[in-house]
């Protein structure tokens, strides 16, 4: 698939154009040039040059990621942990397609960083998608911290429960059983428990 035809790319470009218009009212010519270029060196220069706006770095990192260029990795990991969830979604999409062997370890580090738990949802979902050796242990760790009934980050816990079900690893059984009494996680935990042992 051409990058320009990727639905996530189109969504990102629409979002960024709207952001720029809201901030300044005018979309700079550099925006159209960056959207149109396929030159990896030009894109990498945007990532490394000082003073580049966030929208430019996001476009460059995304395009390099989809092209399989490992120079996008660090920028995409930073975006994966951004306070704006739409940027996290875009970064996760590009990281999956980049296929860098460092991705799972980075996602596990972000997901298990309790100081950044408010931004852990996309790293958790990415771990489930990657099906890497790091995935199940990290999701079990994060789920264990989300079990108090008054925990405000229950959506992160729910993503762990769903991810563990999708991964189907029997090691998740104790963590999922511990989630059964949780008012928001119990039903999903029951569903995930029924799927254990079916994954590979």
N, C-alpha and C. Protein backbone atom coordinates (compact mmCIF):
# COMPACT_ATOMS: atom_id res chain seq x y z
N UNK A 1 0.84 -1.20 0.00
CA UNK A 1 0.00 0.00 0.00
C UNK A 1 0.87 1.25 0.00
N UNK A 2 0.54 2.18 -0.85
CA UNK A 2 1.22 3.48 -0.85
C UNK A 2 0.89 4.20 0.46
N UNK A 3 1.89 4.96 0.98
CA UNK A 3 1.66 5.69 2.23
C UNK A 3 0.46 6.62 2.10
N UNK A 4 0.34 7.28 0.97
CA UNK A 4 -0.75 8.24 0.78
C UNK A 4 -2.12 7.57 0.84
N UNK A 5 -2.17 6.25 0.63
CA UNK A 5 -3.44 5.53 0.67
C UNK A 5 -3.73 4.92 2.05
N UNK A 6 -2.77 5.01 2.95
CA UNK A 6 -2.94 4.44 4.28
C UNK A 6 -3.98 5.26 5.05
N UNK A 7 -5.05 4.62 5.55
CA UNK A 7 -6.12 5.39 6.22
C UNK A 7 -5.61 6.16 7.44
N UNK A 8 -4.65 5.59 8.16
CA UNK A 8 -4.12 6.27 9.34
C UNK A 8 -3.31 7.50 8.94
N UNK A 9 -2.62 7.42 7.79
CA UNK A 9 -1.88 8.57 7.28
C UNK A 9 -2.86 9.69 6.91
N UNK A 10 -3.91 9.33 6.21
CA UNK A 10 -4.91 10.33 5.79
C UNK A 10 -5.54 10.99 7.01
N UNK A 11 -5.85 10.18 8.01
CA UNK A 11 -6.44 10.71 9.24
C UNK A 11 -5.47 11.66 9.94
N UNK A 12 -4.19 11.28 10.00
CA UNK A 12 -3.18 12.13 10.63
C UNK A 12 -3.06 13.46 9.92
N UNK A 13 -3.01 13.43 8.60
CA UNK A 13 -2.84 14.66 7.83
C UNK A 13 -4.03 15.60 8.03
N UNK A 14 -5.23 15.04 8.02
CA UNK A 14 -6.42 15.86 8.27
C UNK A 14 -6.36 16.49 9.66
N UNK A 15 -5.97 15.70 10.65
CA UNK A 15 -5.88 16.20 12.03
C UNK A 15 -4.84 17.30 12.15
N UNK A 16 -3.67 17.08 11.56
CA UNK A 16 -2.59 18.07 11.68
C UNK A 16 -2.93 19.36 10.93
N UNK A 17 -3.57 19.23 9.77
CA UNK A 17 -3.96 20.43 9.02
C UNK A 17 -4.93 21.27 9.86
N UNK A 18 -5.85 20.59 10.52
CA UNK A 18 -6.82 21.29 11.37
C UNK A 18 -6.13 21.95 12.56
N UNK A 19 -5.15 21.23 13.15
CA UNK A 19 -4.39 21.79 14.28
C UNK A 19 -3.67 23.07 13.87
N UNK A 20 -3.01 23.02 12.72
CA UNK A 20 -2.25 24.17 12.25
C UNK A 20 -3.18 25.35 11.98
N UNK A 21 -4.30 25.08 11.33
CA UNK A 21 -5.27 26.14 11.03
C UNK A 21 -5.82 26.76 12.31
N UNK A 22 -6.05 25.94 13.32
CA UNK A 22 -6.56 26.45 14.59
C UNK A 22 -5.52 27.31 15.30
N UNK A 23 -4.25 26.94 15.14
CA UNK A 23 -3.18 27.67 15.82
C UNK A 23 -2.84 28.98 15.12
N UNK A 24 -2.72 28.94 13.80
CA UNK A 24 -2.21 30.12 13.09
C UNK A 24 -3.14 30.63 11.99
N UNK A 25 -4.08 29.81 11.57
CA UNK A 25 -4.98 30.22 10.50
C UNK A 25 -4.46 29.92 9.11
N UNK A 26 -3.16 29.71 8.97
CA UNK A 26 -2.56 29.43 7.66
C UNK A 26 -1.77 28.14 7.72
N UNK A 27 -1.91 27.32 6.69
CA UNK A 27 -1.10 26.11 6.58
C UNK A 27 0.14 26.44 5.78
N UNK A 28 1.33 26.30 6.38
CA UNK A 28 2.55 26.68 5.66
C UNK A 28 2.82 25.79 4.45
N UNK A 29 3.53 26.34 3.49
CA UNK A 29 3.87 25.58 2.28
C UNK A 29 4.67 24.32 2.64
N UNK A 30 5.45 24.41 3.72
CA UNK A 30 6.28 23.27 4.14
C UNK A 30 5.42 22.06 4.47
N UNK A 31 4.19 22.30 4.89
CA UNK A 31 3.29 21.18 5.23
C UNK A 31 3.01 20.34 3.99
N UNK A 32 2.60 20.99 2.91
CA UNK A 32 2.30 20.27 1.67
C UNK A 32 3.53 19.59 1.10
N UNK A 33 4.68 20.26 1.23
CA UNK A 33 5.93 19.67 0.72
C UNK A 33 6.29 18.40 1.49
N UNK A 34 6.11 18.46 2.81
CA UNK A 34 6.44 17.31 3.65
C UNK A 34 5.47 16.15 3.40
N UNK A 35 4.20 16.47 3.24
CA UNK A 35 3.19 15.45 2.95
C UNK A 35 3.52 14.75 1.63
N UNK A 36 4.04 15.51 0.66
CA UNK A 36 4.27 14.97 -0.68
C UNK A 36 5.59 14.25 -0.87
N UNK A 37 6.58 14.52 -0.02
CA UNK A 37 7.91 13.95 -0.27
C UNK A 37 8.00 12.48 0.14
N UNK A 38 8.78 11.74 -0.61
CA UNK A 38 9.09 10.34 -0.26
C UNK A 38 10.59 10.17 0.00
N UNK A 39 11.34 11.29 0.02
CA UNK A 39 12.79 11.24 0.16
C UNK A 39 13.16 10.96 1.63
N UNK A 40 13.72 9.79 1.91
CA UNK A 40 14.02 9.45 3.31
C UNK A 40 15.02 10.41 3.95
N UNK A 41 15.97 10.93 3.16
CA UNK A 41 16.97 11.85 3.74
C UNK A 41 16.32 13.17 4.13
N UNK A 42 15.40 13.62 3.31
CA UNK A 42 14.68 14.86 3.63
C UNK A 42 13.83 14.66 4.89
N UNK A 43 13.18 13.52 4.98
CA UNK A 43 12.36 13.23 6.16
C UNK A 43 13.21 13.10 7.42
N UNK A 44 14.37 12.45 7.29
CA UNK A 44 15.25 12.30 8.44
C UNK A 44 15.79 13.65 8.89
N UNK A 45 16.05 14.54 7.96
CA UNK A 45 16.54 15.88 8.30
C UNK A 45 15.50 16.63 9.14
N UNK A 46 14.23 16.43 8.81
CA UNK A 46 13.16 17.06 9.60
C UNK A 46 13.18 16.55 11.03
N UNK A 47 13.47 15.26 11.20
CA UNK A 47 13.51 14.68 12.54
C UNK A 47 14.67 15.20 13.37
N UNK A 48 15.77 15.51 12.73
CA UNK A 48 16.98 15.86 13.47
C UNK A 48 17.26 17.35 13.54
N UNK A 49 16.67 18.14 12.64
CA UNK A 49 16.94 19.58 12.64
C UNK A 49 16.30 20.25 13.86
N UNK A 50 17.00 21.19 14.48
CA UNK A 50 16.43 21.87 15.64
C UNK A 50 15.28 22.80 15.24
N UNK A 51 14.35 22.98 16.17
CA UNK A 51 13.29 23.97 15.96
C UNK A 51 12.16 23.53 15.06
N UNK A 52 12.09 22.26 14.71
CA UNK A 52 11.00 21.80 13.85
C UNK A 52 9.71 21.69 14.65
N UNK A 53 8.58 22.10 14.09
CA UNK A 53 7.32 21.95 14.82
C UNK A 53 6.95 20.48 15.00
N UNK A 54 6.13 20.22 16.00
CA UNK A 54 5.74 18.85 16.30
C UNK A 54 5.05 18.18 15.11
N UNK A 55 4.21 18.93 14.39
CA UNK A 55 3.50 18.33 13.26
C UNK A 55 4.48 17.82 12.21
N UNK A 56 5.57 18.56 12.00
CA UNK A 56 6.56 18.14 11.00
C UNK A 56 7.27 16.87 11.44
N UNK A 57 7.63 16.82 12.71
CA UNK A 57 8.30 15.62 13.22
C UNK A 57 7.37 14.40 13.16
N UNK A 58 6.10 14.64 13.43
CA UNK A 58 5.15 13.52 13.41
C UNK A 58 5.00 12.97 11.99
N UNK A 59 4.86 13.84 11.01
CA UNK A 59 4.73 13.38 9.62
C UNK A 59 5.99 12.63 9.18
N UNK A 60 7.15 13.22 9.49
CA UNK A 60 8.41 12.60 9.07
C UNK A 60 8.60 11.23 9.72
N UNK A 61 8.32 11.15 11.02
CA UNK A 61 8.49 9.87 11.72
C UNK A 61 7.53 8.82 11.18
N UNK A 62 6.29 9.23 10.94
CA UNK A 62 5.30 8.29 10.43
C UNK A 62 5.71 7.74 9.06
N UNK A 63 6.12 8.63 8.17
CA UNK A 63 6.46 8.20 6.81
C UNK A 63 7.71 7.32 6.80
N UNK A 64 8.68 7.67 7.62
CA UNK A 64 9.88 6.83 7.71
C UNK A 64 9.53 5.47 8.33
N UNK A 65 8.63 5.50 9.32
CA UNK A 65 8.22 4.24 9.94
C UNK A 65 7.56 3.30 8.96
N UNK A 66 6.63 3.83 8.17
CA UNK A 66 5.95 2.99 7.19
C UNK A 66 6.89 2.52 6.10
N UNK A 67 7.96 3.27 5.87
CA UNK A 67 8.95 2.88 4.87
C UNK A 67 9.96 1.88 5.44
N UNK A 68 9.83 1.56 6.75
CA UNK A 68 10.75 0.60 7.36
C UNK A 68 12.11 1.17 7.71
N UNK A 69 12.21 2.49 7.86
CA UNK A 69 13.48 3.15 8.15
C UNK A 69 13.67 3.21 9.67
N UNK A 70 14.68 2.52 10.21
CA UNK A 70 14.85 2.46 11.67
C UNK A 70 15.15 3.81 12.31
N UNK A 71 15.50 4.81 11.51
CA UNK A 71 15.78 6.14 12.09
C UNK A 71 14.51 6.78 12.65
N UNK A 72 13.36 6.23 12.32
CA UNK A 72 12.09 6.76 12.85
C UNK A 72 11.82 6.28 14.27
N UNK A 73 12.54 5.26 14.73
CA UNK A 73 12.16 4.56 15.95
C UNK A 73 12.03 5.48 17.17
N UNK A 74 13.05 6.23 17.47
CA UNK A 74 13.04 7.03 18.71
C UNK A 74 11.93 8.07 18.69
N UNK A 75 11.73 8.72 17.57
CA UNK A 75 10.67 9.73 17.47
C UNK A 75 9.30 9.10 17.64
N UNK A 76 9.11 7.92 17.08
CA UNK A 76 7.81 7.24 17.20
C UNK A 76 7.55 6.79 18.63
N UNK A 77 8.58 6.35 19.33
CA UNK A 77 8.42 5.94 20.73
C UNK A 77 8.03 7.14 21.59
N UNK A 78 8.63 8.29 21.33
CA UNK A 78 8.24 9.51 22.06
C UNK A 78 6.78 9.85 21.80
N UNK A 79 6.35 9.73 20.55
CA UNK A 79 4.95 10.03 20.20
C UNK A 79 3.99 9.01 20.80
N UNK A 80 4.46 7.77 20.97
CA UNK A 80 3.62 6.73 21.55
C UNK A 80 3.22 7.06 22.99
N UNK A 81 4.03 7.88 23.65
CA UNK A 81 3.79 8.24 25.05
C UNK A 81 3.32 9.69 25.18
N UNK A 82 2.77 10.23 24.09
CA UNK A 82 2.34 11.64 24.09
C UNK A 82 1.02 11.79 24.85
N UNK A 83 0.79 12.98 25.38
CA UNK A 83 -0.47 13.22 26.13
C UNK A 83 -1.68 13.23 25.21
N UNK A 84 -1.46 13.44 23.90
CA UNK A 84 -2.56 13.45 22.94
C UNK A 84 -2.78 12.03 22.42
N UNK A 85 -3.90 11.38 22.76
CA UNK A 85 -4.09 9.97 22.37
C UNK A 85 -4.08 9.75 20.87
N UNK A 86 -4.48 10.75 20.08
CA UNK A 86 -4.48 10.56 18.62
C UNK A 86 -3.06 10.42 18.10
N UNK A 87 -2.13 11.13 18.71
CA UNK A 87 -0.72 10.98 18.31
C UNK A 87 -0.20 9.60 18.69
N UNK A 88 -0.66 9.09 19.84
CA UNK A 88 -0.25 7.75 20.27
C UNK A 88 -0.74 6.69 19.29
N UNK A 89 -1.98 6.84 18.82
CA UNK A 89 -2.55 5.90 17.85
C UNK A 89 -1.72 5.88 16.57
N UNK A 90 -1.40 7.06 16.08
CA UNK A 90 -0.60 7.19 14.86
C UNK A 90 0.77 6.54 15.03
N UNK A 91 1.40 6.81 16.17
CA UNK A 91 2.74 6.26 16.42
C UNK A 91 2.69 4.74 16.51
N UNK A 92 1.68 4.20 17.19
CA UNK A 92 1.56 2.74 17.32
C UNK A 92 1.40 2.09 15.95
N UNK A 93 0.59 2.70 15.11
CA UNK A 93 0.36 2.20 13.75
C UNK A 93 1.69 2.13 12.99
N UNK A 94 2.47 3.20 13.08
CA UNK A 94 3.74 3.24 12.36
C UNK A 94 4.76 2.27 12.96
N UNK A 95 4.75 2.12 14.29
CA UNK A 95 5.71 1.21 14.93
C UNK A 95 5.46 -0.23 14.53
N UNK A 96 4.20 -0.62 14.43
CA UNK A 96 3.88 -1.99 14.00
C UNK A 96 4.46 -2.23 12.61
N UNK A 97 4.30 -1.28 11.73
CA UNK A 97 4.77 -1.45 10.36
C UNK A 97 6.29 -1.30 10.24
N UNK A 98 6.89 -0.54 11.15
CA UNK A 98 8.35 -0.41 11.14
C UNK A 98 9.01 -1.75 11.43
N UNK A 99 8.44 -2.51 12.38
CA UNK A 99 8.98 -3.84 12.68
C UNK A 99 10.35 -3.83 13.34
N UNK A 100 10.66 -2.77 14.07
CA UNK A 100 11.96 -2.68 14.73
C UNK A 100 11.98 -3.62 15.94
N UNK A 101 13.05 -4.42 16.10
CA UNK A 101 13.09 -5.38 17.22
C UNK A 101 13.09 -4.72 18.59
N UNK A 102 13.37 -3.42 18.65
CA UNK A 102 13.39 -2.71 19.95
C UNK A 102 12.00 -2.28 20.40
N UNK A 103 11.01 -2.40 19.52
CA UNK A 103 9.69 -1.83 19.80
C UNK A 103 9.03 -2.44 21.03
N UNK A 104 9.04 -3.75 21.14
CA UNK A 104 8.34 -4.41 22.26
C UNK A 104 8.94 -4.00 23.59
N UNK A 105 10.26 -3.94 23.67
CA UNK A 105 10.90 -3.54 24.93
C UNK A 105 10.54 -2.10 25.29
N UNK A 106 10.53 -1.24 24.29
CA UNK A 106 10.16 0.16 24.54
C UNK A 106 8.71 0.28 24.98
N UNK A 107 7.82 -0.47 24.32
CA UNK A 107 6.40 -0.43 24.69
C UNK A 107 6.19 -0.97 26.10
N UNK A 108 6.92 -2.02 26.46
CA UNK A 108 6.81 -2.58 27.81
C UNK A 108 7.30 -1.58 28.85
N UNK A 109 8.37 -0.88 28.55
CA UNK A 109 8.89 0.14 29.47
C UNK A 109 7.88 1.25 29.68
N UNK A 110 7.26 1.72 28.60
CA UNK A 110 6.25 2.77 28.71
C UNK A 110 5.02 2.28 29.45
N UNK A 111 4.57 1.08 29.14
CA UNK A 111 3.36 0.55 29.75
C UNK A 111 3.51 0.37 31.26
N UNK A 112 4.70 -0.03 31.70
CA UNK A 112 4.91 -0.35 33.12
C UNK A 112 5.43 0.83 33.92
N UNK A 113 5.61 1.98 33.30
CA UNK A 113 6.05 3.19 34.01
C UNK A 113 4.85 3.80 34.73
N UNK A 114 4.76 3.56 36.02
CA UNK A 114 3.59 3.99 36.78
C UNK A 114 3.44 5.52 36.81
N UNK A 115 4.54 6.23 36.63
CA UNK A 115 4.46 7.70 36.60
C UNK A 115 3.76 8.20 35.34
N UNK A 116 3.71 7.33 34.32
CA UNK A 116 3.09 7.73 33.04
C UNK A 116 1.86 6.87 32.73
N UNK A 117 1.25 6.32 33.77
CA UNK A 117 0.14 5.38 33.54
C UNK A 117 -1.02 6.04 32.80
N UNK A 118 -1.19 7.33 32.95
CA UNK A 118 -2.28 8.02 32.24
C UNK A 118 -2.12 7.91 30.72
N UNK A 119 -0.90 7.63 30.26
CA UNK A 119 -0.62 7.54 28.82
C UNK A 119 -0.26 6.12 28.40
N UNK A 120 -0.63 5.13 29.21
CA UNK A 120 -0.19 3.75 28.96
C UNK A 120 -1.12 2.97 28.05
N UNK A 121 -2.28 3.51 27.70
CA UNK A 121 -3.26 2.73 26.97
C UNK A 121 -2.73 2.22 25.63
N UNK A 122 -2.11 3.10 24.85
CA UNK A 122 -1.63 2.68 23.52
C UNK A 122 -0.41 1.77 23.61
N UNK A 123 0.55 2.01 24.52
CA UNK A 123 1.62 1.02 24.69
C UNK A 123 1.09 -0.37 25.06
N UNK A 124 0.05 -0.42 25.92
CA UNK A 124 -0.54 -1.71 26.29
C UNK A 124 -1.14 -2.39 25.06
N UNK A 125 -1.92 -1.65 24.29
CA UNK A 125 -2.54 -2.23 23.09
C UNK A 125 -1.49 -2.67 22.08
N UNK A 126 -0.41 -1.89 21.98
CA UNK A 126 0.67 -2.23 21.05
C UNK A 126 1.32 -3.55 21.46
N UNK A 127 1.52 -3.75 22.76
CA UNK A 127 2.12 -5.00 23.23
C UNK A 127 1.27 -6.20 22.82
N UNK A 128 -0.05 -6.06 22.94
CA UNK A 128 -0.92 -7.17 22.55
C UNK A 128 -0.82 -7.44 21.05
N UNK A 129 -0.71 -6.38 20.27
CA UNK A 129 -0.59 -6.53 18.81
C UNK A 129 0.71 -7.19 18.42
N UNK A 130 1.80 -6.83 19.10
CA UNK A 130 3.13 -7.31 18.73
C UNK A 130 3.33 -8.80 19.04
N UNK A 131 2.63 -9.29 20.08
CA UNK A 131 2.78 -10.71 20.48
C UNK A 131 4.25 -11.07 20.71
N UNK A 132 4.97 -10.18 21.37
CA UNK A 132 6.40 -10.36 21.60
C UNK A 132 6.63 -11.05 22.95
N UNK A 133 7.85 -11.56 23.19
CA UNK A 133 8.14 -12.19 24.49
C UNK A 133 7.87 -11.25 25.68
N UNK A 134 8.04 -9.94 25.46
CA UNK A 134 7.82 -8.97 26.54
C UNK A 134 6.34 -8.72 26.82
N UNK A 135 5.46 -9.11 25.90
CA UNK A 135 4.06 -8.69 25.98
C UNK A 135 3.34 -9.20 27.22
N UNK A 136 3.30 -10.51 27.40
CA UNK A 136 2.51 -11.09 28.50
C UNK A 136 3.03 -10.63 29.87
N UNK A 137 4.35 -10.72 30.17
CA UNK A 137 4.81 -10.26 31.49
C UNK A 137 4.46 -8.79 31.76
N UNK A 138 4.60 -7.94 30.76
CA UNK A 138 4.30 -6.51 30.98
C UNK A 138 2.81 -6.30 31.23
N UNK A 139 1.96 -6.96 30.47
CA UNK A 139 0.52 -6.79 30.65
C UNK A 139 0.06 -7.34 32.01
N UNK A 140 0.65 -8.43 32.46
CA UNK A 140 0.33 -8.98 33.79
C UNK A 140 0.73 -7.98 34.87
N UNK A 141 1.90 -7.38 34.73
CA UNK A 141 2.38 -6.39 35.71
C UNK A 141 1.44 -5.20 35.79
N UNK A 142 1.09 -4.66 34.64
CA UNK A 142 0.23 -3.47 34.62
C UNK A 142 -1.16 -3.80 35.15
N UNK A 143 -1.70 -4.95 34.77
CA UNK A 143 -3.02 -5.33 35.25
C UNK A 143 -3.05 -5.44 36.77
N UNK A 144 -2.01 -6.02 37.35
CA UNK A 144 -1.96 -6.17 38.80
C UNK A 144 -2.06 -4.84 39.53
N UNK A 145 -1.54 -3.78 38.93
CA UNK A 145 -1.58 -2.46 39.56
C UNK A 145 -2.94 -1.77 39.39
N UNK A 146 -3.73 -2.25 38.44
CA UNK A 146 -5.01 -1.60 38.13
C UNK A 146 -6.19 -2.24 38.86
N UNK A 147 -5.91 -3.22 39.73
CA UNK A 147 -7.00 -3.98 40.33
C UNK A 147 -7.75 -3.29 41.47
N UNK A 148 -7.16 -2.34 42.21
CA UNK A 148 -7.97 -1.64 43.21
C UNK A 148 -9.22 -1.02 42.57
N UNK A 149 -10.36 -1.22 43.22
CA UNK A 149 -11.64 -0.80 42.62
C UNK A 149 -11.71 0.70 42.37
N UNK A 150 -10.93 1.48 43.15
CA UNK A 150 -10.98 2.93 42.98
C UNK A 150 -9.87 3.46 42.06
N UNK A 151 -9.17 2.56 41.38
CA UNK A 151 -8.10 2.99 40.48
C UNK A 151 -8.69 3.79 39.32
N UNK A 152 -8.21 5.01 39.08
CA UNK A 152 -8.80 5.84 38.02
C UNK A 152 -8.43 5.40 36.60
N UNK A 153 -7.43 4.54 36.49
CA UNK A 153 -6.93 4.16 35.16
C UNK A 153 -7.45 2.77 34.78
N UNK A 154 -8.72 2.51 35.05
CA UNK A 154 -9.28 1.19 34.79
C UNK A 154 -9.30 0.85 33.30
N UNK A 155 -9.35 1.89 32.44
CA UNK A 155 -9.33 1.60 30.99
C UNK A 155 -8.02 0.94 30.57
N UNK A 156 -6.93 1.32 31.24
CA UNK A 156 -5.65 0.67 30.98
C UNK A 156 -5.72 -0.80 31.43
N UNK A 157 -6.34 -1.02 32.59
CA UNK A 157 -6.53 -2.38 33.07
C UNK A 157 -7.37 -3.21 32.12
N UNK A 158 -8.43 -2.59 31.58
CA UNK A 158 -9.30 -3.29 30.64
C UNK A 158 -8.53 -3.67 29.38
N UNK A 159 -7.68 -2.78 28.91
CA UNK A 159 -6.86 -3.08 27.73
C UNK A 159 -5.90 -4.25 28.02
N UNK A 160 -5.39 -4.32 29.25
CA UNK A 160 -4.53 -5.45 29.65
C UNK A 160 -5.32 -6.75 29.63
N UNK A 161 -6.52 -6.72 30.21
CA UNK A 161 -7.37 -7.91 30.24
C UNK A 161 -7.67 -8.39 28.83
N UNK A 162 -8.07 -7.47 27.97
CA UNK A 162 -8.40 -7.84 26.58
C UNK A 162 -7.17 -8.33 25.83
N UNK A 163 -6.03 -7.67 26.07
CA UNK A 163 -4.80 -8.08 25.41
C UNK A 163 -4.35 -9.46 25.83
N UNK A 164 -4.46 -9.75 27.13
CA UNK A 164 -4.07 -11.08 27.62
C UNK A 164 -4.98 -12.15 27.05
N UNK A 165 -6.26 -11.83 26.89
CA UNK A 165 -7.16 -12.78 26.26
C UNK A 165 -6.78 -13.05 24.82
N UNK A 166 -6.45 -11.98 24.11
CA UNK A 166 -6.07 -12.12 22.70
C UNK A 166 -4.77 -12.93 22.56
N UNK A 167 -3.85 -12.76 23.52
CA UNK A 167 -2.58 -13.47 23.45
C UNK A 167 -2.75 -14.95 23.84
N UNK A 168 -3.74 -15.23 24.69
CA UNK A 168 -4.07 -16.62 25.00
C UNK A 168 -3.02 -17.40 25.76
N UNK A 169 -2.15 -16.70 26.48
CA UNK A 169 -1.06 -17.36 27.20
C UNK A 169 -1.53 -17.80 28.58
N UNK A 170 -1.39 -19.10 28.92
CA UNK A 170 -1.88 -19.58 30.22
C UNK A 170 -1.22 -18.91 31.42
N UNK A 171 -0.06 -18.29 31.24
CA UNK A 171 0.59 -17.58 32.35
C UNK A 171 -0.28 -16.44 32.88
N UNK A 172 -1.23 -15.99 32.07
CA UNK A 172 -2.08 -14.87 32.48
C UNK A 172 -3.21 -15.28 33.41
N UNK A 173 -3.40 -16.58 33.61
CA UNK A 173 -4.57 -17.03 34.37
C UNK A 173 -4.68 -16.42 35.77
N UNK A 174 -3.62 -16.44 36.60
CA UNK A 174 -3.77 -15.86 37.95
C UNK A 174 -4.15 -14.37 37.91
N UNK A 175 -3.56 -13.62 37.01
CA UNK A 175 -3.86 -12.18 36.93
C UNK A 175 -5.30 -11.95 36.49
N UNK A 176 -5.76 -12.74 35.54
CA UNK A 176 -7.14 -12.58 35.06
C UNK A 176 -8.14 -13.04 36.12
N UNK A 177 -7.81 -14.10 36.86
CA UNK A 177 -8.70 -14.55 37.93
C UNK A 177 -8.80 -13.48 39.03
N UNK A 178 -7.67 -12.80 39.27
CA UNK A 178 -7.68 -11.73 40.28
C UNK A 178 -8.56 -10.55 39.84
N UNK A 179 -8.75 -10.40 38.52
CA UNK A 179 -9.56 -9.29 37.99
C UNK A 179 -11.05 -9.61 37.98
N UNK A 180 -11.43 -10.86 38.21
CA UNK A 180 -12.85 -11.25 38.12
C UNK A 180 -13.77 -10.45 39.04
N UNK A 181 -13.37 -10.16 40.29
CA UNK A 181 -14.28 -9.42 41.16
C UNK A 181 -14.37 -7.92 40.85
N UNK A 182 -13.50 -7.42 39.97
CA UNK A 182 -13.47 -5.98 39.70
C UNK A 182 -14.74 -5.56 38.96
N UNK A 183 -15.39 -4.50 39.43
CA UNK A 183 -16.68 -4.12 38.81
C UNK A 183 -16.59 -3.75 37.33
N UNK A 184 -15.46 -3.21 36.91
CA UNK A 184 -15.33 -2.80 35.51
C UNK A 184 -14.58 -3.80 34.65
N UNK A 185 -13.82 -4.68 35.27
CA UNK A 185 -12.95 -5.59 34.52
C UNK A 185 -13.45 -7.04 34.52
N UNK A 186 -14.37 -7.36 35.42
CA UNK A 186 -14.74 -8.75 35.64
C UNK A 186 -15.28 -9.45 34.42
N UNK A 187 -16.18 -8.81 33.70
CA UNK A 187 -16.79 -9.48 32.55
C UNK A 187 -15.75 -9.76 31.46
N UNK A 188 -14.90 -8.77 31.21
CA UNK A 188 -13.84 -8.96 30.20
C UNK A 188 -12.85 -10.03 30.65
N UNK A 189 -12.57 -10.07 31.96
CA UNK A 189 -11.65 -11.08 32.49
C UNK A 189 -12.22 -12.48 32.29
N UNK A 190 -13.51 -12.61 32.51
CA UNK A 190 -14.17 -13.91 32.30
C UNK A 190 -14.04 -14.35 30.84
N UNK A 191 -14.25 -13.40 29.94
CA UNK A 191 -14.13 -13.70 28.51
C UNK A 191 -12.70 -14.08 28.15
N UNK A 192 -11.73 -13.33 28.70
CA UNK A 192 -10.32 -13.62 28.38
C UNK A 192 -9.89 -14.97 28.95
N UNK A 193 -10.38 -15.30 30.15
CA UNK A 193 -10.03 -16.60 30.73
C UNK A 193 -10.50 -17.75 29.84
N UNK A 194 -11.61 -17.55 29.19
CA UNK A 194 -12.14 -18.62 28.31
C UNK A 194 -11.28 -18.81 27.08
N UNK A 195 -10.42 -17.82 26.79
CA UNK A 195 -9.60 -17.89 25.58
C UNK A 195 -8.19 -18.38 25.86
N UNK A 196 -7.83 -18.56 27.11
CA UNK A 196 -6.46 -18.97 27.43
C UNK A 196 -6.17 -20.37 26.91
N UNK A 197 -4.93 -20.53 26.49
CA UNK A 197 -4.51 -21.83 25.99
C UNK A 197 -4.78 -22.02 24.52
N UNK A 198 -5.48 -21.05 23.90
CA UNK A 198 -5.76 -21.16 22.46
C UNK A 198 -4.75 -20.38 21.63
N UNK A 199 -3.95 -19.52 22.30
CA UNK A 199 -2.98 -18.71 21.55
C UNK A 199 -1.72 -19.51 21.27
N UNK A 200 -0.91 -18.94 20.41
CA UNK A 200 0.34 -19.60 20.05
C UNK A 200 1.49 -18.64 20.30
